């Protein structure tokens, strides 16, 4: 349809879009009216079950949505419960779960299973124990080590901050062995002898770093293993 000339003969407009000239309507607006630009709240018809239109965020319960999509947390704990398809590292002997059942999520091991302990029997921190896990357990002063011997002013000054020695547990062969740290000035000892790399150790053996002596107490042995 061709463009139509308005009744005033001033403008052309598309009659498919407008019943009357929009330009003439604009000319009739009272520019002195302070409410000429005020906006009215749009009327939104109620949604039906099969209405796929976008819902305004003000009409949506955001808190409920976050509860459904966010990972759950245990009450009284800062640990996040990840869904059953989590990519977190699993531990040998602890990865066989029925992930089709969401209730099994709570049974996923978030910490490595304990395999034994080191107990300080002589030196600073005497009587303290440290849980050992499968893999490498480093001994030193750094707080991020598995066996941190930092006791403030009472700390054994002969111990290095980096790993002085390490207790290693292999869950497949079910054996413990010890390794010496790299670039260690004061050599660690095993049962009063210089610690040699890769030597097997057993329940009751004494590891010495600096002046501190630690006894190995094994949970996993010939009578018990996690696999």
C-alpha atoms as a PDB file:
ATOM      1  CA  UNK A   1       0.000   0.000   0.000  1.00  0.00           C
ATOM      2  CA  UNK A   2       1.444   3.468  -0.904  1.00  0.00           C
ATOM      3  CA  UNK A   3       2.274   6.096   1.672  1.00  0.00           C
ATOM      4  CA  UNK A   4      -0.657   8.356   2.650  1.00  0.00           C
ATOM      5  CA  UNK A   5      -0.586  12.121   3.026  1.00  0.00           C
ATOM      6  CA  UNK A   6      -1.960  13.345   6.359  1.00  0.00           C
ATOM      7  CA  UNK A   7      -5.126  15.456   6.627  1.00  0.00           C
ATOM      8  CA  UNK A   8      -3.045  18.552   7.259  1.00  0.00           C
ATOM      9  CA  UNK A   9      -1.063  17.895   4.089  1.00  0.00           C
ATOM     10  CA  UNK A  10       2.207  18.171   5.948  1.00  0.00           C
ATOM     11  CA  UNK A  11       3.445  14.577   6.319  1.00  0.00           C
ATOM     12  CA  UNK A  12       3.425  11.155   4.732  1.00  0.00           C
ATOM     13  CA  UNK A  13       2.948   7.982   6.827  1.00  0.00           C
ATOM     14  CA  UNK A  14       2.471   4.269   6.331  1.00  0.00           C
ATOM     15  CA  UNK A  15      -1.243   3.404   6.754  1.00  0.00           C
ATOM     16  CA  UNK A  16      -0.268  -0.226   7.473  1.00  0.00           C
ATOM     17  CA  UNK A  17       1.388   0.950  10.675  1.00  0.00           C
ATOM     18  CA  UNK A  18      -0.682   3.927  11.736  1.00  0.00           C
ATOM     19  CA  UNK A  19      -4.368   4.808  11.584  1.00  0.00           C
ATOM     20  CA  UNK A  20      -3.551   8.518  11.666  1.00  0.00           C
ATOM     21  CA  UNK A  21      -0.464  10.640  11.134  1.00  0.00           C
ATOM     22  CA  UNK A  22       2.008  10.067  13.981  1.00  0.00           C
ATOM     23  CA  UNK A  23       3.800  13.327  13.199  1.00  0.00           C
ATOM     24  CA  UNK A  24       0.672  15.384  13.619  1.00  0.00           C
ATOM     25  CA  UNK A  25       0.029  13.621  16.933  1.00  0.00           C
ATOM     26  CA  UNK A  26       3.505  14.611  18.079  1.00  0.00           C
ATOM     27  CA  UNK A  27       2.848  18.204  17.127  1.00  0.00           C
ATOM     28  CA  UNK A  28      -0.236  18.223  19.376  1.00  0.00           C
ATOM     29  CA  UNK A  29       1.735  17.191  22.507  1.00  0.00           C
ATOM     30  CA  UNK A  30       1.777  19.932  25.072  1.00  0.00           C
ATOM     31  CA  UNK A  31       5.481  20.632  25.565  1.00  0.00           C
ATOM     32  CA  UNK A  32       4.705  22.464  28.792  1.00  0.00           C
ATOM     33  CA  UNK A  33       3.217  19.337  30.341  1.00  0.00           C
ATOM     34  CA  UNK A  34       5.804  18.033  32.928  1.00  0.00           C
ATOM     35  CA  UNK A  35       4.333  14.525  32.701  1.00  0.00           C
ATOM     36  CA  UNK A  36       4.645  14.210  28.942  1.00  0.00           C
ATOM     37  CA  UNK A  37       7.553  11.753  29.248  1.00  0.00           C
ATOM     38  CA  UNK A  38       6.259   9.768  32.237  1.00  0.00           C
ATOM     39  CA  UNK A  39       6.111   6.015  31.744  1.00  0.00           C
ATOM     40  CA  UNK A  40       3.322   3.796  32.896  1.00  0.00           C
ATOM     41  CA  UNK A  41       3.898   0.321  34.308  1.00  0.00           C
ATOM     42  CA  UNK A  42       3.178  -2.149  31.507  1.00  0.00           C
ATOM     43  CA  UNK A  43       0.318  -4.548  32.032  1.00  0.00           C
ATOM     44  CA  UNK A  44       1.614  -8.117  31.826  1.00  0.00           C
ATOM     45  CA  UNK A  45      -1.001 -10.803  31.265  1.00  0.00           C
ATOM     46  CA  UNK A  46      -0.857 -13.831  33.587  1.00  0.00           C
ATOM     47  CA  UNK A  47       1.303 -16.679  32.284  1.00  0.00           C
ATOM     48  CA  UNK A  48      -0.140 -20.061  31.463  1.00  0.00           C
ATOM     49  CA  UNK A  49       1.470 -23.487  31.841  1.00  0.00           C
ATOM     50  CA  UNK A  50       2.413 -23.587  28.170  1.00  0.00           C
ATOM     51  CA  UNK A  51       3.485 -19.954  28.000  1.00  0.00           C
ATOM     52  CA  UNK A  52       7.164 -19.868  27.025  1.00  0.00           C
ATOM     53  CA  UNK A  53       7.534 -16.113  27.229  1.00  0.00           C
ATOM     54  CA  UNK A  54      10.414 -14.608  29.184  1.00  0.00           C
ATOM     55  CA  UNK A  55       9.580 -13.946  32.831  1.00  0.00           C
ATOM     56  CA  UNK A  56      10.697 -10.697  34.455  1.00  0.00           C
ATOM     57  CA  UNK A  57      13.364 -11.206  37.124  1.00  0.00           C
ATOM     58  CA  UNK A  58      11.163  -9.375  39.653  1.00  0.00           C
ATOM     59  CA  UNK A  59       8.505 -12.063  39.198  1.00  0.00           C
ATOM     60  CA  UNK A  60      10.997 -14.910  39.650  1.00  0.00           C
ATOM     61  CA  UNK A  61      12.100 -16.422  42.931  1.00  0.00           C
ATOM     62  CA  UNK A  62      15.859 -16.013  42.562  1.00  0.00           C
ATOM     63  CA  UNK A  63      16.633 -17.539  45.954  1.00  0.00           C
ATOM     64  CA  UNK A  64      14.856 -20.766  45.030  1.00  0.00           C
ATOM     65  CA  UNK A  65      16.769 -20.895  41.742  1.00  0.00           C
ATOM     66  CA  UNK A  66      20.156 -20.475  43.432  1.00  0.00           C
ATOM     67  CA  UNK A  67      19.239 -23.189  45.914  1.00  0.00           C
ATOM     68  CA  UNK A  68      18.548 -25.603  43.053  1.00  0.00           C
ATOM     69  CA  UNK A  69      21.644 -24.916  40.941  1.00  0.00           C
ATOM     70  CA  UNK A  70      24.306 -24.096  43.536  1.00  0.00           C
ATOM     71  CA  UNK A  71      26.375 -26.916  45.107  1.00  0.00           C
ATOM     72  CA  UNK A  72      25.036 -27.882  48.518  1.00  0.00           C
ATOM     73  CA  UNK A  73      27.010 -27.377  51.721  1.00  0.00           C
ATOM     74  CA  UNK A  74      26.932 -29.455  54.853  1.00  0.00           C
ATOM     75  CA  UNK A  75      25.511 -27.589  57.827  1.00  0.00           C
ATOM     76  CA  UNK A  76      28.328 -26.510  60.122  1.00  0.00           C
ATOM     77  CA  UNK A  77      30.964 -27.198  57.477  1.00  0.00           C
ATOM     78  CA  UNK A  78      32.689 -25.169  54.783  1.00  0.00           C
ATOM     79  CA  UNK A  79      33.084 -28.165  52.491  1.00  0.00           C
ATOM     80  CA  UNK A  80      31.027 -28.196  49.340  1.00  0.00           C
ATOM     81  CA  UNK A  81      29.069 -31.322  48.408  1.00  0.00           C
ATOM     82  CA  UNK A  82      29.714 -31.736  44.708  1.00  0.00           C
ATOM     83  CA  UNK A  83      27.282 -33.694  42.540  1.00  0.00           C
ATOM     84  CA  UNK A  84      28.037 -37.283  41.712  1.00  0.00           C
ATOM     85  CA  UNK A  85      29.673 -36.426  38.383  1.00  0.00           C
ATOM     86  CA  UNK A  86      32.351 -34.320  40.123  1.00  0.00           C
ATOM     87  CA  UNK A  87      35.809 -34.249  38.553  1.00  0.00           C
ATOM     88  CA  UNK A  88      37.556 -34.240  41.916  1.00  0.00           C
ATOM     89  CA  UNK A  89      40.409 -36.741  42.225  1.00  0.00           C
ATOM     90  CA  UNK A  90      39.334 -40.066  43.641  1.00  0.00           C
ATOM     91  CA  UNK A  91      41.525 -42.413  45.627  1.00  0.00           C
ATOM     92  CA  UNK A  92      42.351 -45.981  44.720  1.00  0.00           C
ATOM     93  CA  UNK A  93      39.920 -48.282  46.485  1.00  0.00           C
ATOM     94  CA  UNK A  94      37.392 -45.480  47.051  1.00  0.00           C
ATOM     95  CA  UNK A  95      36.106 -44.703  43.555  1.00  0.00           C
ATOM     96  CA  UNK A  96      33.490 -47.414  43.055  1.00  0.00           C
ATOM     97  CA  UNK A  97      30.120 -45.745  43.697  1.00  0.00           C
ATOM     98  CA  UNK A  98      26.687 -46.009  42.160  1.00  0.00           C
ATOM     99  CA  UNK A  99      26.548 -42.517  40.675  1.00  0.00           C
ATOM    100  CA  UNK A 100      23.064 -43.154  39.267  1.00  0.00           C
ATOM    101  CA  UNK A 101      21.813 -42.823  42.802  1.00  0.00           C
ATOM    102  CA  UNK A 102      22.257 -39.205  43.888  1.00  0.00           C
ATOM    103  CA  UNK A 103      22.054 -40.265  47.538  1.00  0.00           C
ATOM    104  CA  UNK A 104      25.457 -41.908  47.105  1.00  0.00           C
ATOM    105  CA  UNK A 105      27.031 -38.455  46.774  1.00  0.00           C
ATOM    106  CA  UNK A 106      27.434 -38.195  50.531  1.00  0.00           C
ATOM    107  CA  UNK A 107      29.602 -41.319  50.489  1.00  0.00           C
ATOM    108  CA  UNK A 108      32.237 -39.878  48.148  1.00  0.00           C
ATOM    109  CA  UNK A 109      35.548 -39.553  50.006  1.00  0.00           C
ATOM    110  CA  UNK A 110      36.623 -35.881  50.095  1.00  0.00           C
ATOM    111  CA  UNK A 111      39.812 -36.597  52.072  1.00  0.00           C
ATOM    112  CA  UNK A 112      42.392 -39.363  51.523  1.00  0.00           C
ATOM    113  CA  UNK A 113      41.919 -42.365  53.807  1.00  0.00           C
ATOM    114  CA  UNK A 114      44.303 -42.573  56.733  1.00  0.00           C
ATOM    115  CA  UNK A 115      46.951 -45.289  56.405  1.00  0.00           C
ATOM    116  CA  UNK A 116      48.966 -44.622  59.561  1.00  0.00           C
ATOM    117  CA  UNK A 117      50.406 -41.930  61.796  1.00  0.00           C
ATOM    118  CA  UNK A 118      53.681 -40.307  62.765  1.00  0.00           C
ATOM    119  CA  UNK A 119      53.911 -39.558  66.484  1.00  0.00           C
ATOM    120  CA  UNK A 120      56.533 -37.236  67.974  1.00  0.00           C
ATOM    121  CA  UNK A 121      58.240 -39.210  70.742  1.00  0.00           C
ATOM    122  CA  UNK A 122      61.135 -36.819  71.350  1.00  0.00           C
ATOM    123  CA  UNK A 123      61.631 -33.098  70.741  1.00  0.00           C
ATOM    124  CA  UNK A 124      59.362 -30.086  70.223  1.00  0.00           C
ATOM    125  CA  UNK A 125      55.684 -31.060  70.069  1.00  0.00           C
ATOM    126  CA  UNK A 126      56.237 -34.340  71.911  1.00  0.00           C
ATOM    127  CA  UNK A 127      53.034 -36.392  71.901  1.00  0.00           C
ATOM    128  CA  UNK A 128      51.613 -34.790  68.740  1.00  0.00           C
ATOM    129  CA  UNK A 129      50.478 -37.105  65.972  1.00  0.00           C
ATOM    130  CA  UNK A 130      50.111 -36.594  62.209  1.00  0.00           C
ATOM    131  CA  UNK A 131      47.849 -38.675  59.978  1.00  0.00           C
ATOM    132  CA  UNK A 132      49.523 -40.268  56.986  1.00  0.00           C
ATOM    133  CA  UNK A 133      47.785 -40.750  53.652  1.00  0.00           C
ATOM    134  CA  UNK A 134      48.493 -42.806  50.573  1.00  0.00           C
ATOM    135  CA  UNK A 135      51.228 -41.283  48.451  1.00  0.00           C
ATOM    136  CA  UNK A 136      53.918 -38.901  49.705  1.00  0.00           C
ATOM    137  CA  UNK A 137      53.870 -37.378  53.206  1.00  0.00           C
ATOM    138  CA  UNK A 138      56.541 -34.677  53.456  1.00  0.00           C
ATOM    139  CA  UNK A 139      58.169 -33.747  56.782  1.00  0.00           C
ATOM    140  CA  UNK A 140      59.456 -30.219  57.441  1.00  0.00           C
ATOM    141  CA  UNK A 141      58.572 -26.804  58.859  1.00  0.00           C
ATOM    142  CA  UNK A 142      56.420 -25.415  56.061  1.00  0.00           C
ATOM    143  CA  UNK A 143      52.765 -25.195  57.082  1.00  0.00           C
ATOM    144  CA  UNK A 144      51.584 -26.714  53.792  1.00  0.00           C
ATOM    145  CA  UNK A 145      53.458 -29.984  54.350  1.00  0.00           C
ATOM    146  CA  UNK A 146      51.618 -33.120  55.443  1.00  0.00           C
ATOM    147  CA  UNK A 147      53.807 -33.315  58.568  1.00  0.00           C
ATOM    148  CA  UNK A 148      54.537 -29.722  59.631  1.00  0.00           C
ATOM    149  CA  UNK A 149      56.813 -29.478  62.660  1.00  0.00           C
ATOM    150  CA  UNK A 150      56.420 -25.715  63.149  1.00  0.00           C
ATOM    151  CA  UNK A 151      55.780 -25.147  66.871  1.00  0.00           C
ATOM    152  CA  UNK A 152      56.546 -21.449  67.078  1.00  0.00           C
ATOM    153  CA  UNK A 153      59.292 -20.520  69.522  1.00  0.00           C
ATOM    154  CA  UNK A 154      59.794 -24.182  70.459  1.00  0.00           C
ATOM    155  CA  UNK A 155      60.467 -25.235  66.850  1.00  0.00           C
ATOM    156  CA  UNK A 156      63.508 -27.433  66.240  1.00  0.00           C
ATOM    157  CA  UNK A 157      65.899 -25.044  64.437  1.00  0.00           C
ATOM    158  CA  UNK A 158      67.800 -27.957  62.851  1.00  0.00           C
ATOM    159  CA  UNK A 159      64.824 -28.827  60.638  1.00  0.00           C
ATOM    160  CA  UNK A 160      64.576 -27.231  57.193  1.00  0.00           C
ATOM    161  CA  UNK A 161      61.439 -25.475  56.017  1.00  0.00           C
ATOM    162  CA  UNK A 162      61.262 -27.612  52.875  1.00  0.00           C
ATOM    163  CA  UNK A 163      60.867 -31.367  52.994  1.00  0.00           C
ATOM    164  CA  UNK A 164      63.585 -32.980  55.146  1.00  0.00           C
ATOM    165  CA  UNK A 165      62.232 -36.475  54.598  1.00  0.00           C
ATOM    166  CA  UNK A 166      59.079 -38.154  53.363  1.00  0.00           C
ATOM    167  CA  UNK A 167      57.056 -41.185  54.363  1.00  0.00           C
ATOM    168  CA  UNK A 168      55.561 -42.826  51.284  1.00  0.00           C
ATOM    169  CA  UNK A 169      52.764 -45.379  51.302  1.00  0.00           C
ATOM    170  CA  UNK A 170      51.903 -47.407  48.207  1.00  0.00           C
ATOM    171  CA  UNK A 171      48.334 -48.659  48.529  1.00  0.00           C
ATOM    172  CA  UNK A 172      48.768 -51.155  45.684  1.00  0.00           C
ATOM    173  CA  UNK A 173      51.717 -53.020  47.205  1.00  0.00           C
ATOM    174  CA  UNK A 174      50.613 -52.103  50.769  1.00  0.00           C
ATOM    175  CA  UNK A 175      54.104 -51.039  51.894  1.00  0.00           C
ATOM    176  CA  UNK A 176      55.678 -47.987  53.549  1.00  0.00           C
ATOM    177  CA  UNK A 177      59.058 -46.621  52.588  1.00  0.00           C
ATOM    178  CA  UNK A 178      61.049 -43.485  53.378  1.00  0.00           C
ATOM    179  CA  UNK A 179      62.870 -40.957  51.233  1.00  0.00           C
ATOM    180  CA  UNK A 180      65.371 -38.230  52.050  1.00  0.00           C
ATOM    181  CA  UNK A 181      64.632 -34.633  51.092  1.00  0.00           C
ATOM    182  CA  UNK A 182      66.715 -32.826  48.496  1.00  0.00           C
ATOM    183  CA  UNK A 183      69.483 -30.394  49.537  1.00  0.00           C
ATOM    184  CA  UNK A 184      69.100 -31.242  53.231  1.00  0.00           C
ATOM    185  CA  UNK A 185      71.998 -30.038  55.417  1.00  0.00           C
ATOM    186  CA  UNK A 186      71.169 -32.136  58.464  1.00  0.00           C
ATOM    187  CA  UNK A 187      70.607 -35.642  57.134  1.00  0.00           C
ATOM    188  CA  UNK A 188      67.518 -37.462  58.436  1.00  0.00           C
ATOM    189  CA  UNK A 189      68.030 -40.776  60.185  1.00  0.00           C
ATOM    190  CA  UNK A 190      66.120 -44.045  60.393  1.00  0.00           C
ATOM    191  CA  UNK A 191      66.619 -46.013  63.601  1.00  0.00           C
ATOM    192  CA  UNK A 192      69.850 -44.024  64.274  1.00  0.00           C
ATOM    193  CA  UNK A 193      71.268 -44.742  60.801  1.00  0.00           C
ATOM    194  CA  UNK A 194      71.459 -42.283  57.904  1.00  0.00           C
ATOM    195  CA  UNK A 195      68.246 -42.535  55.915  1.00  0.00           C
ATOM    196  CA  UNK A 196      68.803 -44.058  52.496  1.00  0.00           C
ATOM    197  CA  UNK A 197      66.280 -43.367  49.750  1.00  0.00           C
ATOM    198  CA  UNK A 198      63.607 -45.960  49.085  1.00  0.00           C
ATOM    199  CA  UNK A 199      64.192 -48.100  52.195  1.00  0.00           C
ATOM    200  CA  UNK A 200      61.167 -49.979  53.525  1.00  0.00           C
ATOM    201  CA  UNK A 201      59.940 -48.964  56.962  1.00  0.00           C
ATOM    202  CA  UNK A 202      57.681 -50.753  59.407  1.00  0.00           C
ATOM    203  CA  UNK A 203      55.502 -50.168  62.430  1.00  0.00           C
ATOM    204  CA  UNK A 204      57.553 -48.788  65.344  1.00  0.00           C
ATOM    205  CA  UNK A 205      60.462 -47.473  63.244  1.00  0.00           C
ATOM    206  CA  UNK A 206      61.892 -44.105  64.311  1.00  0.00           C
ATOM    207  CA  UNK A 207      62.471 -41.280  61.839  1.00  0.00           C
ATOM    208  CA  UNK A 208      64.707 -38.458  63.091  1.00  0.00           C
ATOM    209  CA  UNK A 209      64.844 -34.964  61.556  1.00  0.00           C
ATOM    210  CA  UNK A 210      67.025 -32.476  63.413  1.00  0.00           C
ATOM    211  CA  UNK A 211      66.638 -33.354  67.085  1.00  0.00           C
ATOM    212  CA  UNK A 212      63.031 -34.455  66.633  1.00  0.00           C
ATOM    213  CA  UNK A 213      62.149 -38.158  66.608  1.00  0.00           C
ATOM    214  CA  UNK A 214      58.909 -39.521  65.173  1.00  0.00           C
ATOM    215  CA  UNK A 215      57.562 -43.051  65.480  1.00  0.00           C
ATOM    216  CA  UNK A 216      55.703 -44.698  62.613  1.00  0.00           C
ATOM    217  CA  UNK A 217      52.384 -46.246  63.652  1.00  0.00           C
ATOM    218  CA  UNK A 218      50.838 -48.174  60.780  1.00  0.00           C
ATOM    219  CA  UNK A 219      47.155 -48.814  60.192  1.00  0.00           C
ATOM    220  CA  UNK A 220      47.659 -50.594  56.882  1.00  0.00           C
ATOM    221  CA  UNK A 221      49.802 -53.696  57.225  1.00  0.00           C
ATOM    222  CA  UNK A 222      49.705 -57.413  56.503  1.00  0.00           C
ATOM    223  CA  UNK A 223      46.398 -57.653  58.367  1.00  0.00           C
ATOM    224  CA  UNK A 224      44.597 -54.678  56.840  1.00  0.00           C
ATOM    225  CA  UNK A 225      44.476 -52.702  53.594  1.00  0.00           C
ATOM    226  CA  UNK A 226      41.950 -50.355  51.989  1.00  0.00           C
ATOM    227  CA  UNK A 227      41.886 -52.445  48.810  1.00  0.00           C
END
